[in-house]
């Protein structure tokens, strides 16, 4: 074969050879029976944190945030209607607790202090473990977050992290943040397994 023709033939066949040798991305294997069992156990720990006042107070069943360990309705008429009307949570809730500015027993604060919008309220209050687990699989309810996105959220969101350093005499969740993230990751690794009586409907691809 002439050198020129050989070179052209090699150039044409090289991409095909490369395609034939590339391995397609391997699909993620489904969780094992052991991982599913571990996920169900871990969900109990995750649930205990989500339903603690530091978390639940921002995820109530009604349209007003809750306050204190008693989870009483927020004072001064703060609710979604007021927020929609222009009331900013940051008007009172600064990036640090009020104590940092010399105001004893003033409003708590953290970066990005906010109340979930009405279309994605992610209600924790009154949800039993099965119902709350199912809600976490509903990406319309989670604002488009899948399980990995939820793990990223609880691991890094400043307002979530505040729950473990709330200042004053406020209580903290029953697990350390590290232990909570470990439990949450175990739950995600096990496919977000819910109690046995919960049927999870997969989201549309």
N, C-alpha and C. Protein backbone atom coordinates (compact mmCIF):
# COMPACT_ATOMS: atom_id res chain seq x y z
N UNK A 1 0.85 -1.20 0.00
CA UNK A 1 0.00 0.00 0.00
C UNK A 1 0.89 1.25 0.00
N UNK A 2 0.53 2.22 -0.83
CA UNK A 2 1.31 3.44 -0.88
C UNK A 2 1.23 4.18 0.46
N UNK A 3 2.29 4.89 0.83
CA UNK A 3 2.30 5.58 2.14
C UNK A 3 1.13 6.52 2.35
N UNK A 4 0.76 7.28 1.30
CA UNK A 4 -0.33 8.25 1.46
C UNK A 4 -1.65 7.55 1.76
N UNK A 5 -1.92 6.47 0.96
CA UNK A 5 -3.17 5.73 1.15
C UNK A 5 -3.19 5.07 2.52
N UNK A 6 -2.04 4.56 2.95
CA UNK A 6 -1.97 3.91 4.26
C UNK A 6 -2.27 4.91 5.38
N UNK A 7 -1.72 6.11 5.24
CA UNK A 7 -1.94 7.13 6.26
C UNK A 7 -3.40 7.52 6.36
N UNK A 8 -4.07 7.66 5.20
CA UNK A 8 -5.50 7.99 5.21
C UNK A 8 -6.31 6.87 5.84
N UNK A 9 -6.00 5.64 5.47
CA UNK A 9 -6.72 4.50 6.03
C UNK A 9 -6.54 4.42 7.53
N UNK A 10 -5.32 4.69 8.00
CA UNK A 10 -5.06 4.66 9.45
C UNK A 10 -5.84 5.75 10.16
N UNK A 11 -5.92 6.93 9.55
CA UNK A 11 -6.65 8.04 10.17
C UNK A 11 -8.14 7.75 10.27
N UNK A 12 -8.68 7.04 9.26
CA UNK A 12 -10.10 6.73 9.25
C UNK A 12 -10.47 5.63 10.23
N UNK A 13 -9.56 4.68 10.41
CA UNK A 13 -9.87 3.54 11.27
C UNK A 13 -9.52 3.79 12.73
N UNK A 14 -8.62 4.75 13.00
CA UNK A 14 -8.20 4.98 14.39
C UNK A 14 -9.35 5.37 15.28
N UNK A 15 -10.27 6.30 14.87
CA UNK A 15 -11.40 6.64 15.75
C UNK A 15 -12.29 5.46 16.04
N UNK A 16 -12.47 4.57 15.03
CA UNK A 16 -13.31 3.40 15.26
C UNK A 16 -12.67 2.48 16.27
N UNK A 17 -11.35 2.31 16.14
CA UNK A 17 -10.66 1.44 17.09
C UNK A 17 -10.75 2.00 18.49
N UNK A 18 -10.64 3.35 18.60
CA UNK A 18 -10.72 3.98 19.92
C UNK A 18 -12.09 3.76 20.52
N UNK A 19 -13.15 3.89 19.69
CA UNK A 19 -14.51 3.70 20.19
C UNK A 19 -14.72 2.27 20.65
N UNK A 20 -14.12 1.32 19.94
CA UNK A 20 -14.31 -0.08 20.29
C UNK A 20 -13.63 -0.44 21.59
N UNK A 21 -12.54 0.31 21.94
CA UNK A 21 -11.80 -0.04 23.14
C UNK A 21 -12.30 0.70 24.37
N UNK A 22 -13.09 1.80 24.18
CA UNK A 22 -13.60 2.55 25.33
C UNK A 22 -14.69 1.75 26.04
N UNK A 23 -14.60 1.69 27.36
CA UNK A 23 -15.62 1.01 28.15
C UNK A 23 -16.73 1.99 28.48
N UNK A 24 -17.96 1.63 28.23
CA UNK A 24 -19.06 2.52 28.61
C UNK A 24 -19.12 2.66 30.12
N UNK A 25 -19.66 3.77 30.56
CA UNK A 25 -19.78 4.00 32.01
C UNK A 25 -20.62 2.90 32.63
N UNK A 26 -20.10 2.34 33.70
CA UNK A 26 -20.82 1.26 34.37
C UNK A 26 -21.98 1.83 35.16
N UNK A 27 -23.15 1.23 35.07
CA UNK A 27 -24.29 1.72 35.86
C UNK A 27 -24.04 1.51 37.35
N UNK A 28 -24.61 2.38 38.14
CA UNK A 28 -24.46 2.26 39.59
C UNK A 28 -25.23 1.04 40.06
N UNK A 29 -24.56 0.13 40.74
CA UNK A 29 -25.28 -1.08 41.18
C UNK A 29 -26.32 -0.75 42.23
N UNK A 30 -27.41 -1.50 42.27
CA UNK A 30 -28.42 -1.25 43.30
C UNK A 30 -27.86 -1.57 44.68
N UNK A 31 -28.41 -0.96 45.72
CA UNK A 31 -27.90 -1.24 47.06
C UNK A 31 -28.12 -2.70 47.44
N UNK A 32 -27.22 -3.21 48.25
CA UNK A 32 -27.33 -4.58 48.71
C UNK A 32 -28.39 -4.67 49.82
N UNK A 33 -28.74 -5.90 50.14
CA UNK A 33 -29.70 -6.12 51.22
C UNK A 33 -29.18 -5.53 52.53
N UNK A 34 -27.88 -5.69 52.75
CA UNK A 34 -27.28 -5.16 53.98
C UNK A 34 -27.32 -3.63 53.99
N UNK A 35 -27.07 -3.00 52.82
CA UNK A 35 -27.10 -1.54 52.76
C UNK A 35 -28.52 -1.00 52.96
N UNK A 36 -29.50 -1.72 52.44
CA UNK A 36 -30.89 -1.30 52.63
C UNK A 36 -31.27 -1.39 54.11
N UNK A 37 -30.87 -2.49 54.75
CA UNK A 37 -31.17 -2.64 56.18
C UNK A 37 -30.48 -1.55 56.99
N UNK A 38 -29.21 -1.25 56.63
CA UNK A 38 -28.48 -0.19 57.34
C UNK A 38 -29.14 1.17 57.11
N UNK A 39 -29.66 1.38 55.90
CA UNK A 39 -30.33 2.65 55.59
C UNK A 39 -31.59 2.82 56.43
N UNK A 40 -32.35 1.76 56.58
CA UNK A 40 -33.57 1.86 57.39
C UNK A 40 -33.23 2.18 58.84
N UNK A 41 -32.17 1.57 59.36
CA UNK A 41 -31.74 1.88 60.72
C UNK A 41 -31.27 3.33 60.82
N UNK A 42 -30.52 3.77 59.79
CA UNK A 42 -29.98 5.13 59.81
C UNK A 42 -31.10 6.17 59.73
N UNK A 43 -32.18 5.83 59.01
CA UNK A 43 -33.27 6.80 58.87
C UNK A 43 -33.86 7.17 60.23
N UNK A 44 -33.88 6.24 61.15
CA UNK A 44 -34.41 6.55 62.49
C UNK A 44 -33.58 7.67 63.13
N UNK A 45 -32.26 7.63 62.94
CA UNK A 45 -31.41 8.69 63.49
C UNK A 45 -31.63 10.00 62.74
N UNK A 46 -31.71 9.92 61.41
CA UNK A 46 -31.97 11.12 60.62
C UNK A 46 -33.29 11.76 61.03
N UNK A 47 -34.30 10.94 61.21
CA UNK A 47 -35.64 11.43 61.59
C UNK A 47 -35.60 12.13 62.94
N UNK A 48 -34.81 11.61 63.87
CA UNK A 48 -34.75 12.22 65.20
C UNK A 48 -34.18 13.64 65.14
N UNK A 49 -33.31 13.90 64.17
CA UNK A 49 -32.75 15.24 64.00
C UNK A 49 -33.75 16.16 63.28
N UNK A 50 -34.34 15.65 62.22
CA UNK A 50 -35.25 16.48 61.42
C UNK A 50 -36.46 16.96 62.23
N UNK A 51 -36.87 16.17 63.19
CA UNK A 51 -38.05 16.53 63.98
C UNK A 51 -37.70 17.23 65.29
N UNK A 52 -36.43 17.53 65.49
CA UNK A 52 -36.03 18.35 66.64
C UNK A 52 -36.40 19.80 66.35
N UNK A 53 -36.74 20.59 67.37
CA UNK A 53 -37.16 21.98 67.13
C UNK A 53 -36.19 22.81 66.30
N UNK A 54 -34.88 22.56 66.42
CA UNK A 54 -33.94 23.36 65.64
C UNK A 54 -34.16 23.19 64.14
N UNK A 55 -34.66 22.04 63.74
CA UNK A 55 -34.95 21.80 62.32
C UNK A 55 -36.43 21.98 62.02
N UNK A 56 -37.27 21.40 62.85
CA UNK A 56 -38.70 21.39 62.58
C UNK A 56 -39.31 22.79 62.62
N UNK A 57 -38.76 23.69 63.45
CA UNK A 57 -39.36 25.02 63.58
C UNK A 57 -39.40 25.79 62.26
N UNK A 58 -38.49 25.46 61.35
CA UNK A 58 -38.51 26.10 60.03
C UNK A 58 -39.28 25.27 59.00
N UNK A 59 -39.77 24.14 59.42
CA UNK A 59 -40.52 23.26 58.50
C UNK A 59 -41.84 22.82 59.16
N UNK A 60 -42.69 23.80 59.51
CA UNK A 60 -43.93 23.48 60.22
C UNK A 60 -45.03 23.03 59.26
N UNK A 61 -46.10 22.55 59.83
CA UNK A 61 -47.25 22.15 59.01
C UNK A 61 -48.10 23.35 58.60
N UNK A 62 -47.94 24.47 59.29
CA UNK A 62 -48.70 25.67 58.96
C UNK A 62 -47.89 26.66 58.14
N UNK A 63 -48.37 27.89 58.05
CA UNK A 63 -47.73 28.92 57.23
C UNK A 63 -46.90 29.90 58.03
N UNK A 64 -46.66 29.59 59.31
CA UNK A 64 -45.83 30.45 60.13
C UNK A 64 -44.70 29.63 60.74
N UNK A 65 -43.48 30.17 60.77
CA UNK A 65 -42.39 29.46 61.44
C UNK A 65 -42.68 29.34 62.93
N UNK A 66 -41.99 28.41 63.55
CA UNK A 66 -42.16 28.16 64.98
C UNK A 66 -40.96 28.68 65.74
N UNK A 67 -41.12 28.83 67.06
CA UNK A 67 -40.05 29.38 67.90
C UNK A 67 -39.85 28.55 69.15
N UNK A 68 -38.63 28.58 69.65
CA UNK A 68 -38.22 27.97 70.92
C UNK A 68 -38.37 26.45 70.90
N UNK A 69 -37.92 25.81 71.97
CA UNK A 69 -38.04 24.36 72.08
C UNK A 69 -39.49 23.92 72.20
N UNK A 70 -40.37 24.85 72.58
CA UNK A 70 -41.79 24.52 72.67
C UNK A 70 -42.48 24.58 71.31
N UNK A 71 -41.75 25.03 70.30
CA UNK A 71 -42.30 25.12 68.93
C UNK A 71 -43.62 25.89 68.90
N UNK A 72 -43.59 27.08 69.49
CA UNK A 72 -44.77 27.95 69.45
C UNK A 72 -44.75 28.78 68.16
N UNK A 73 -45.92 29.24 67.73
CA UNK A 73 -46.01 30.00 66.48
C UNK A 73 -45.25 31.32 66.61
N UNK A 74 -44.55 31.70 65.57
CA UNK A 74 -43.73 32.91 65.55
C UNK A 74 -44.56 34.13 65.93
N UNK A 75 -43.99 34.98 66.74
CA UNK A 75 -44.67 36.22 67.17
C UNK A 75 -44.75 37.24 66.03
N UNK A 76 -45.50 38.29 66.28
CA UNK A 76 -45.57 39.48 65.44
C UNK A 76 -46.15 39.20 64.05
N UNK A 77 -46.92 38.14 63.95
CA UNK A 77 -47.61 37.89 62.70
C UNK A 77 -46.71 37.48 61.54
N UNK A 78 -45.54 36.95 61.86
CA UNK A 78 -44.64 36.51 60.78
C UNK A 78 -45.19 35.23 60.17
N UNK A 79 -45.47 35.26 58.89
CA UNK A 79 -45.96 34.08 58.17
C UNK A 79 -45.66 34.27 56.68
N UNK A 80 -46.09 33.30 55.89
CA UNK A 80 -45.78 33.37 54.46
C UNK A 80 -46.44 34.56 53.77
N UNK A 81 -47.63 34.93 54.22
CA UNK A 81 -48.29 36.10 53.63
C UNK A 81 -47.47 37.37 53.88
N UNK A 82 -46.98 37.50 55.11
CA UNK A 82 -46.17 38.68 55.43
C UNK A 82 -44.87 38.68 54.64
N UNK A 83 -44.27 37.50 54.49
CA UNK A 83 -43.02 37.40 53.73
C UNK A 83 -43.27 37.72 52.26
N UNK A 84 -44.39 37.19 51.72
CA UNK A 84 -44.74 37.49 50.33
C UNK A 84 -45.01 38.97 50.14
N UNK A 85 -45.45 39.64 51.20
CA UNK A 85 -45.73 41.06 51.14
C UNK A 85 -44.51 41.94 51.26
N UNK A 86 -43.35 41.33 51.45
CA UNK A 86 -42.11 42.10 51.48
C UNK A 86 -41.33 42.02 52.77
N UNK A 87 -41.87 41.35 53.79
CA UNK A 87 -41.13 41.20 55.04
C UNK A 87 -39.96 40.24 54.84
N UNK A 88 -38.75 40.73 55.07
CA UNK A 88 -37.56 39.90 54.94
C UNK A 88 -37.18 39.32 56.30
N UNK A 89 -36.90 38.01 56.33
CA UNK A 89 -36.46 37.40 57.59
C UNK A 89 -35.20 38.10 58.10
N UNK A 90 -34.35 38.54 57.16
CA UNK A 90 -33.10 39.18 57.55
C UNK A 90 -33.30 40.54 58.22
N UNK A 91 -34.53 41.05 58.22
CA UNK A 91 -34.79 42.30 58.92
C UNK A 91 -34.52 42.15 60.41
N UNK A 92 -34.75 40.96 60.94
CA UNK A 92 -34.48 40.69 62.36
C UNK A 92 -33.38 39.65 62.54
N UNK A 93 -33.37 38.67 61.66
CA UNK A 93 -32.41 37.57 61.78
C UNK A 93 -31.17 37.90 60.96
N UNK A 94 -30.14 38.41 61.64
CA UNK A 94 -28.91 38.80 60.94
C UNK A 94 -28.03 37.57 60.73
N UNK A 95 -26.79 37.77 60.31
CA UNK A 95 -25.91 36.65 60.02
C UNK A 95 -25.31 36.02 61.27
N UNK A 96 -25.56 36.61 62.42
CA UNK A 96 -25.16 36.04 63.71
C UNK A 96 -26.29 36.26 64.70
N UNK A 97 -26.25 35.50 65.79
CA UNK A 97 -27.23 35.71 66.84
C UNK A 97 -27.14 37.13 67.38
N UNK A 98 -28.27 37.63 67.87
CA UNK A 98 -28.30 39.00 68.38
C UNK A 98 -27.32 39.21 69.53
N UNK A 99 -27.02 38.15 70.27
CA UNK A 99 -26.07 38.27 71.38
C UNK A 99 -24.71 38.77 70.90
N UNK A 100 -24.37 38.43 69.64
CA UNK A 100 -23.08 38.88 69.09
C UNK A 100 -23.03 40.39 68.94
N UNK A 101 -24.19 41.02 68.92
CA UNK A 101 -24.26 42.49 68.78
C UNK A 101 -24.63 43.15 70.10
N UNK A 102 -24.55 42.39 71.20
CA UNK A 102 -24.83 42.94 72.51
C UNK A 102 -26.30 42.98 72.88
N UNK A 103 -27.15 42.26 72.12
CA UNK A 103 -28.58 42.23 72.41
C UNK A 103 -28.93 40.90 73.06
N UNK A 104 -28.98 40.89 74.38
CA UNK A 104 -29.26 39.66 75.10
C UNK A 104 -30.65 39.15 74.76
N UNK A 105 -30.74 37.87 74.51
CA UNK A 105 -32.01 37.19 74.22
C UNK A 105 -32.72 37.77 72.99
N UNK A 106 -31.94 38.30 72.07
CA UNK A 106 -32.52 38.81 70.83
C UNK A 106 -32.69 37.69 69.81
N UNK A 107 -33.07 38.03 68.59
CA UNK A 107 -33.33 37.01 67.57
C UNK A 107 -32.08 36.21 67.23
N UNK A 108 -32.24 34.94 66.97
CA UNK A 108 -31.10 34.15 66.49
C UNK A 108 -30.75 34.57 65.07
N UNK A 109 -29.57 34.20 64.63
CA UNK A 109 -29.17 34.59 63.29
C UNK A 109 -28.14 33.66 62.68
N UNK A 110 -28.16 33.59 61.37
CA UNK A 110 -27.20 32.81 60.59
C UNK A 110 -27.29 33.29 59.15
N UNK A 111 -26.23 33.11 58.36
CA UNK A 111 -26.32 33.49 56.94
C UNK A 111 -27.47 32.76 56.24
N UNK A 112 -28.15 33.48 55.37
CA UNK A 112 -29.23 32.91 54.56
C UNK A 112 -30.41 32.44 55.41
N UNK A 113 -30.71 33.19 56.47
CA UNK A 113 -31.88 32.84 57.29
C UNK A 113 -33.14 33.05 56.44
N UNK A 114 -33.95 32.02 56.31
CA UNK A 114 -35.13 32.13 55.47
C UNK A 114 -36.15 31.07 55.86
N UNK A 115 -37.36 31.25 55.34
CA UNK A 115 -38.46 30.32 55.56
C UNK A 115 -38.74 29.65 54.22
N UNK A 116 -38.91 28.33 54.19
CA UNK A 116 -39.15 27.67 52.91
C UNK A 116 -40.37 28.24 52.20
N UNK A 117 -40.32 28.35 50.88
CA UNK A 117 -41.46 28.90 50.14
C UNK A 117 -42.66 27.97 50.18
N UNK A 118 -43.82 28.52 49.86
CA UNK A 118 -45.06 27.75 49.96
C UNK A 118 -45.09 26.56 49.01
N UNK A 119 -44.40 26.68 47.86
CA UNK A 119 -44.46 25.56 46.91
C UNK A 119 -43.53 24.41 47.27
N UNK A 120 -42.56 24.67 48.13
CA UNK A 120 -41.68 23.59 48.61
C UNK A 120 -41.45 23.75 50.12
N UNK A 121 -42.49 23.59 50.93
CA UNK A 121 -42.35 23.84 52.37
C UNK A 121 -41.59 22.74 53.11
N UNK A 122 -41.47 21.56 52.50
CA UNK A 122 -40.79 20.43 53.15
C UNK A 122 -41.23 20.29 54.61
N UNK A 123 -42.46 19.95 54.82
CA UNK A 123 -43.05 19.89 56.15
C UNK A 123 -42.46 18.72 56.95
N UNK A 124 -41.92 19.03 58.11
CA UNK A 124 -41.43 18.01 59.03
C UNK A 124 -42.42 17.77 60.17
N UNK A 125 -43.08 18.82 60.61
CA UNK A 125 -43.97 18.75 61.77
C UNK A 125 -45.13 17.80 61.49
N UNK A 126 -45.35 16.86 62.40
CA UNK A 126 -46.47 15.95 62.28
C UNK A 126 -46.27 14.80 61.31
N UNK A 127 -45.14 14.73 60.64
CA UNK A 127 -44.87 13.64 59.72
C UNK A 127 -44.28 12.46 60.49
N UNK A 128 -44.87 11.28 60.33
CA UNK A 128 -44.26 10.11 60.94
C UNK A 128 -43.05 9.69 60.09
N UNK A 129 -42.23 8.75 60.57
CA UNK A 129 -41.02 8.39 59.82
C UNK A 129 -41.28 7.97 58.38
N UNK A 130 -42.36 7.22 58.16
CA UNK A 130 -42.65 6.75 56.81
C UNK A 130 -43.03 7.91 55.89
N UNK A 131 -43.88 8.80 56.37
CA UNK A 131 -44.34 9.92 55.54
C UNK A 131 -43.21 10.89 55.24
N UNK A 132 -42.35 11.16 56.22
CA UNK A 132 -41.26 12.10 55.99
C UNK A 132 -40.23 11.50 55.04
N UNK A 133 -40.00 10.20 55.16
CA UNK A 133 -39.07 9.53 54.25
C UNK A 133 -39.60 9.60 52.82
N UNK A 134 -40.87 9.32 52.63
CA UNK A 134 -41.46 9.38 51.29
C UNK A 134 -41.35 10.80 50.72
N UNK A 135 -41.53 11.82 51.57
CA UNK A 135 -41.45 13.20 51.11
C UNK A 135 -40.05 13.52 50.58
N UNK A 136 -39.04 12.94 51.20
CA UNK A 136 -37.66 13.20 50.79
C UNK A 136 -37.36 12.60 49.41
N UNK A 137 -38.20 11.70 48.95
CA UNK A 137 -38.04 11.12 47.62
C UNK A 137 -38.81 11.90 46.55
N UNK A 138 -39.59 12.87 46.96
CA UNK A 138 -40.41 13.64 46.03
C UNK A 138 -39.65 14.90 45.63
N UNK A 139 -39.06 14.91 44.45
CA UNK A 139 -38.22 16.03 44.05
C UNK A 139 -39.02 17.31 43.82
N UNK A 140 -40.32 17.20 43.63
CA UNK A 140 -41.14 18.41 43.58
C UNK A 140 -41.20 19.06 44.95
N UNK A 141 -41.21 18.23 46.00
CA UNK A 141 -41.25 18.75 47.37
C UNK A 141 -39.89 19.25 47.82
N UNK A 142 -38.81 18.66 47.31
CA UNK A 142 -37.46 19.01 47.76
C UNK A 142 -36.83 20.13 46.94
N UNK A 143 -37.59 20.73 46.05
CA UNK A 143 -37.04 21.78 45.21
C UNK A 143 -36.08 21.26 44.16
N UNK A 144 -36.31 20.03 43.72
CA UNK A 144 -35.47 19.45 42.68
C UNK A 144 -34.25 18.71 43.19
N UNK A 145 -34.07 18.65 44.49
CA UNK A 145 -32.90 17.94 45.02
C UNK A 145 -33.16 16.44 45.05
N UNK A 146 -32.20 15.66 44.53
CA UNK A 146 -32.26 14.22 44.70
C UNK A 146 -31.60 13.88 46.04
N UNK A 147 -31.42 12.60 46.33
CA UNK A 147 -30.88 12.22 47.64
C UNK A 147 -29.48 12.78 47.86
N UNK A 148 -28.64 12.73 46.82
CA UNK A 148 -27.29 13.30 46.95
C UNK A 148 -27.35 14.81 47.17
N UNK A 149 -28.29 15.46 46.50
CA UNK A 149 -28.45 16.90 46.69
C UNK A 149 -28.90 17.24 48.10
N UNK A 150 -29.76 16.41 48.67
CA UNK A 150 -30.18 16.62 50.05
C UNK A 150 -29.03 16.44 51.02
N UNK A 151 -28.19 15.44 50.75
CA UNK A 151 -27.02 15.23 51.60
C UNK A 151 -26.09 16.44 51.53
N UNK A 152 -25.88 16.96 50.34
CA UNK A 152 -25.06 18.16 50.17
C UNK A 152 -25.66 19.33 50.96
N UNK A 153 -26.98 19.45 50.91
CA UNK A 153 -27.67 20.55 51.59
C UNK A 153 -27.47 20.49 53.10
N UNK A 154 -27.72 19.34 53.70
CA UNK A 154 -27.62 19.26 55.16
C UNK A 154 -26.17 19.26 55.63
N UNK A 155 -25.25 19.01 54.71
CA UNK A 155 -23.83 18.99 55.08
C UNK A 155 -23.21 20.38 55.04
N UNK A 156 -23.76 21.28 54.21
CA UNK A 156 -23.08 22.55 53.98
C UNK A 156 -23.93 23.81 54.16
N UNK A 157 -25.24 23.70 54.16
CA UNK A 157 -26.09 24.89 54.26
C UNK A 157 -25.88 25.58 55.61
N UNK A 158 -25.59 26.88 55.57
CA UNK A 158 -25.25 27.61 56.79
C UNK A 158 -26.37 27.60 57.81
N UNK A 159 -27.61 27.70 57.36
CA UNK A 159 -28.73 27.71 58.30
C UNK A 159 -28.90 26.35 58.97
N UNK A 160 -28.63 25.29 58.23
CA UNK A 160 -28.67 23.95 58.82
C UNK A 160 -27.57 23.81 59.87
N UNK A 161 -26.39 24.27 59.54
CA UNK A 161 -25.25 24.14 60.47
C UNK A 161 -25.49 24.93 61.75
N UNK A 162 -26.24 26.04 61.65
CA UNK A 162 -26.53 26.84 62.84
C UNK A 162 -27.22 26.01 63.92
N UNK A 163 -28.00 25.01 63.53
CA UNK A 163 -28.74 24.20 64.50
C UNK A 163 -27.83 23.55 65.52
N UNK A 164 -26.58 23.32 65.15
CA UNK A 164 -25.63 22.69 66.09
C UNK A 164 -24.81 23.72 66.85
N UNK A 165 -25.03 24.98 66.58
CA UNK A 165 -24.35 26.04 67.32
C UNK A 165 -25.32 27.21 67.47
N UNK A 166 -26.47 26.96 68.13
CA UNK A 166 -27.54 27.97 68.13
C UNK A 166 -27.37 29.07 69.16
N UNK A 167 -26.44 28.89 70.09
CA UNK A 167 -26.21 29.92 71.08
C UNK A 167 -27.30 29.99 72.14
N UNK A 168 -27.07 30.83 73.14
CA UNK A 168 -28.03 31.00 74.23
C UNK A 168 -28.30 29.69 74.94
N UNK A 169 -29.54 29.54 75.38
CA UNK A 169 -29.92 28.30 76.06
C UNK A 169 -30.68 27.37 75.13
N UNK A 170 -30.53 27.57 73.83
CA UNK A 170 -31.23 26.73 72.85
C UNK A 170 -30.61 25.34 72.82
N UNK A 171 -31.45 24.34 72.74
CA UNK A 171 -30.95 22.96 72.68
C UNK A 171 -30.49 22.65 71.27
N UNK A 172 -29.68 21.61 71.16
CA UNK A 172 -29.18 21.15 69.86
C UNK A 172 -29.79 19.79 69.53
N UNK A 173 -29.74 19.39 68.27
CA UNK A 173 -30.30 18.09 67.89
C UNK A 173 -29.66 16.94 68.66
N UNK A 174 -30.32 15.79 68.67
CA UNK A 174 -29.85 14.66 69.49
C UNK A 174 -28.56 14.01 69.00
N UNK A 175 -28.13 14.28 67.78
CA UNK A 175 -26.86 13.77 67.27
C UNK A 175 -25.93 14.93 66.98
N UNK A 176 -24.63 14.68 67.02
CA UNK A 176 -23.69 15.67 66.52
C UNK A 176 -23.89 15.81 65.01
N UNK A 177 -23.41 16.90 64.46
CA UNK A 177 -23.57 17.08 63.01
C UNK A 177 -22.82 15.98 62.25
N UNK A 178 -21.63 15.62 62.72
CA UNK A 178 -20.88 14.55 62.05
C UNK A 178 -21.66 13.24 62.07
N UNK A 179 -22.24 12.92 63.22
CA UNK A 179 -23.01 11.68 63.32
C UNK A 179 -24.26 11.74 62.45
N UNK A 180 -24.86 12.91 62.38
CA UNK A 180 -26.04 13.09 61.52
C UNK A 180 -25.67 12.88 60.06
N UNK A 181 -24.58 13.46 59.61
CA UNK A 181 -24.14 13.31 58.22
C UNK A 181 -23.78 11.86 57.93
N UNK A 182 -23.16 11.20 58.87
CA UNK A 182 -22.83 9.78 58.68
C UNK A 182 -24.11 8.96 58.50
N UNK A 183 -25.11 9.22 59.34
CA UNK A 183 -26.38 8.50 59.22
C UNK A 183 -27.07 8.84 57.91
N UNK A 184 -27.05 10.12 57.54
CA UNK A 184 -27.71 10.54 56.29
C UNK A 184 -27.03 9.88 55.09
N UNK A 185 -25.70 9.84 55.10
CA UNK A 185 -24.96 9.22 54.00
C UNK A 185 -25.25 7.73 53.92
N UNK A 186 -25.37 7.07 55.07
CA UNK A 186 -25.72 5.65 55.09
C UNK A 186 -27.11 5.43 54.50
N UNK A 187 -28.01 6.34 54.83
CA UNK A 187 -29.37 6.26 54.28
C UNK A 187 -29.35 6.43 52.77
N UNK A 188 -28.60 7.40 52.27
CA UNK A 188 -28.50 7.63 50.83
C UNK A 188 -27.86 6.43 50.13
N UNK A 189 -26.80 5.89 50.73
CA UNK A 189 -26.11 4.74 50.13
C UNK A 189 -27.05 3.54 50.01
N UNK A 190 -27.97 3.42 50.93
CA UNK A 190 -28.93 2.33 50.89
C UNK A 190 -30.16 2.65 50.07
N UNK A 191 -30.04 3.64 49.18
CA UNK A 191 -31.14 3.98 48.29
C UNK A 191 -32.24 4.79 48.95
N UNK A 192 -31.95 5.36 50.12
CA UNK A 192 -32.99 6.11 50.82
C UNK A 192 -34.12 5.21 51.29
N UNK A 193 -33.75 4.02 51.75
CA UNK A 193 -34.78 3.04 52.15
C UNK A 193 -35.68 3.61 53.23
N UNK A 194 -36.96 3.38 53.05
CA UNK A 194 -37.98 3.83 53.99
C UNK A 194 -38.53 2.64 54.76
N UNK A 195 -39.34 2.89 55.79
CA UNK A 195 -40.01 1.80 56.48
C UNK A 195 -40.72 0.87 55.50
N UNK A 196 -40.84 -0.38 55.86
CA UNK A 196 -41.31 -1.42 54.95
C UNK A 196 -42.64 -1.12 54.29
N UNK A 197 -43.50 -0.35 54.94
CA UNK A 197 -44.83 -0.14 54.39
C UNK A 197 -44.92 1.05 53.45
N UNK A 198 -43.77 1.64 53.06
CA UNK A 198 -43.76 2.80 52.19
C UNK A 198 -43.38 2.39 50.77
N UNK A 199 -44.20 2.76 49.81
CA UNK A 199 -43.88 2.52 48.41
C UNK A 199 -43.38 3.82 47.80
N UNK A 200 -42.15 3.78 47.27
CA UNK A 200 -41.54 4.95 46.68
C UNK A 200 -41.76 4.90 45.17
N UNK A 201 -42.36 5.94 44.62
CA UNK A 201 -42.59 6.03 43.19
C UNK A 201 -41.40 6.78 42.57
N UNK A 202 -40.63 6.13 41.68
CA UNK A 202 -39.46 6.81 41.11
C UNK A 202 -39.86 8.05 40.34
N UNK A 203 -38.99 9.06 40.40
CA UNK A 203 -39.24 10.29 39.63
C UNK A 203 -39.08 10.01 38.15
N UNK A 204 -39.76 10.78 37.31
CA UNK A 204 -39.60 10.63 35.87
C UNK A 204 -38.16 10.95 35.49
N UNK A 205 -37.60 10.19 34.52
CA UNK A 205 -36.20 10.46 34.12
C UNK A 205 -36.07 11.80 33.43
